[in-house]
């Protein structure tokens, strides 16, 4: 199902920010920076990526899942449960 253009841009901006965080972590490792600082940045990047996943899941539930349920496709519930477990 096509995404709202504003939602798509917001997700892409978040992903670009995460790429920047990962590049920063790479530089920190190359520069032999303090492990604790690198771990803090790693945790922040993981959290940011998890946030993108949660936003996508929310959008998926409000669009694709509801459409498929209305069409009588109850298998989407099992798919949704599996996706939620993966994002945990």
Protein backbone atom coordinates (compact mmCIF):
# COMPACT_ATOMS: atom_id res chain seq x y z
CA UNK A 1 0.00 0.00 0.00
CA UNK A 2 1.48 3.40 -0.94
CA UNK A 3 2.70 5.56 1.91
CA UNK A 4 1.71 9.10 2.60
CA UNK A 5 4.50 11.26 1.07
CA UNK A 6 5.04 13.21 4.31
CA UNK A 7 5.29 9.98 6.31
CA UNK A 8 7.73 8.56 3.77
CA UNK A 9 9.94 11.66 3.97
CA UNK A 10 9.91 11.57 7.77
CA UNK A 11 11.04 7.93 7.75
CA UNK A 12 13.78 8.66 5.22
CA UNK A 13 15.02 11.62 7.30
CA UNK A 14 15.19 9.38 10.37
CA UNK A 15 17.10 6.73 8.45
CA UNK A 16 19.59 9.32 7.16
CA UNK A 17 20.14 10.43 10.75
CA UNK A 18 20.77 6.81 11.78
CA UNK A 19 23.26 6.38 8.94
CA UNK A 20 25.05 9.46 10.27
CA UNK A 21 25.10 7.95 13.75
CA UNK A 22 26.58 4.71 12.39
CA UNK A 23 29.24 6.62 10.47
CA UNK A 24 30.06 8.47 13.68
CA UNK A 25 30.43 5.18 15.54
CA UNK A 26 32.73 3.91 12.80
CA UNK A 27 34.91 7.02 13.16
CA UNK A 28 34.99 6.62 16.93
CA UNK A 29 36.27 3.06 16.55
CA UNK A 30 38.86 4.13 13.97
CA UNK A 31 40.04 6.85 16.37
CA UNK A 32 40.25 4.39 19.30
CA UNK A 33 37.78 6.42 21.34
CA UNK A 34 36.68 5.36 24.81
CA UNK A 35 34.61 2.14 24.71
CA UNK A 36 31.91 3.55 26.98
CA UNK A 37 31.32 6.46 24.60
CA UNK A 38 31.11 4.10 21.63
CA UNK A 39 28.66 1.87 23.47
CA UNK A 40 26.48 4.87 24.33
CA UNK A 41 26.36 5.86 20.67
CA UNK A 42 25.64 2.27 19.66
CA UNK A 43 22.71 2.15 22.09
CA UNK A 44 21.38 5.44 20.71
CA UNK A 45 21.56 4.14 17.13
CA UNK A 46 19.80 0.91 18.11
CA UNK A 47 17.05 2.88 19.83
CA UNK A 48 16.64 5.15 16.80
CA UNK A 49 16.33 2.16 14.45
CA UNK A 50 13.84 0.53 16.80
CA UNK A 51 11.83 3.75 16.72
CA UNK A 52 11.69 3.59 12.91
CA UNK A 53 10.46 0.01 13.18
CA UNK A 54 7.73 1.04 15.62
CA UNK A 55 6.59 3.86 13.34
CA UNK A 56 6.44 1.46 10.39
CA UNK A 57 4.53 -1.09 12.46
CA UNK A 58 2.01 1.56 13.51
CA UNK A 59 1.52 2.62 9.91
CA UNK A 60 1.22 -1.02 8.83
CA UNK A 61 -1.48 -1.69 11.42
CA UNK A 62 -3.50 1.39 10.45
CA UNK A 63 -3.33 0.73 6.72
CA UNK A 64 -2.38 -2.70 5.41
CA UNK A 65 -3.60 -4.77 8.36
CA UNK A 66 -6.98 -3.06 8.69
CA UNK A 67 -7.54 -3.34 4.93
CA UNK A 68 -6.75 -7.04 4.91
CA UNK A 69 -8.98 -7.70 7.93
CA UNK A 70 -11.86 -5.86 6.23
CA UNK A 71 -11.28 -8.08 3.20
CA UNK A 72 -11.60 -11.15 5.44
CA UNK A 73 -7.90 -12.07 5.47
CA UNK A 74 -7.43 -13.09 9.10
CA UNK A 75 -3.97 -14.57 8.36
CA UNK A 76 -2.66 -11.03 8.63
CA UNK A 77 -3.10 -11.27 12.42
CA UNK A 78 -0.51 -14.06 12.61
CA UNK A 79 1.79 -12.03 10.38
CA UNK A 80 1.35 -9.00 12.63
CA UNK A 81 2.11 -11.06 15.74
CA UNK A 82 5.32 -12.36 14.14
CA UNK A 83 6.36 -8.82 13.18
CA UNK A 84 5.72 -7.58 16.71
CA UNK A 85 7.89 -10.37 18.15
CA UNK A 86 10.71 -9.41 15.79
CA UNK A 87 10.58 -5.78 16.90
CA UNK A 88 10.69 -6.71 20.56
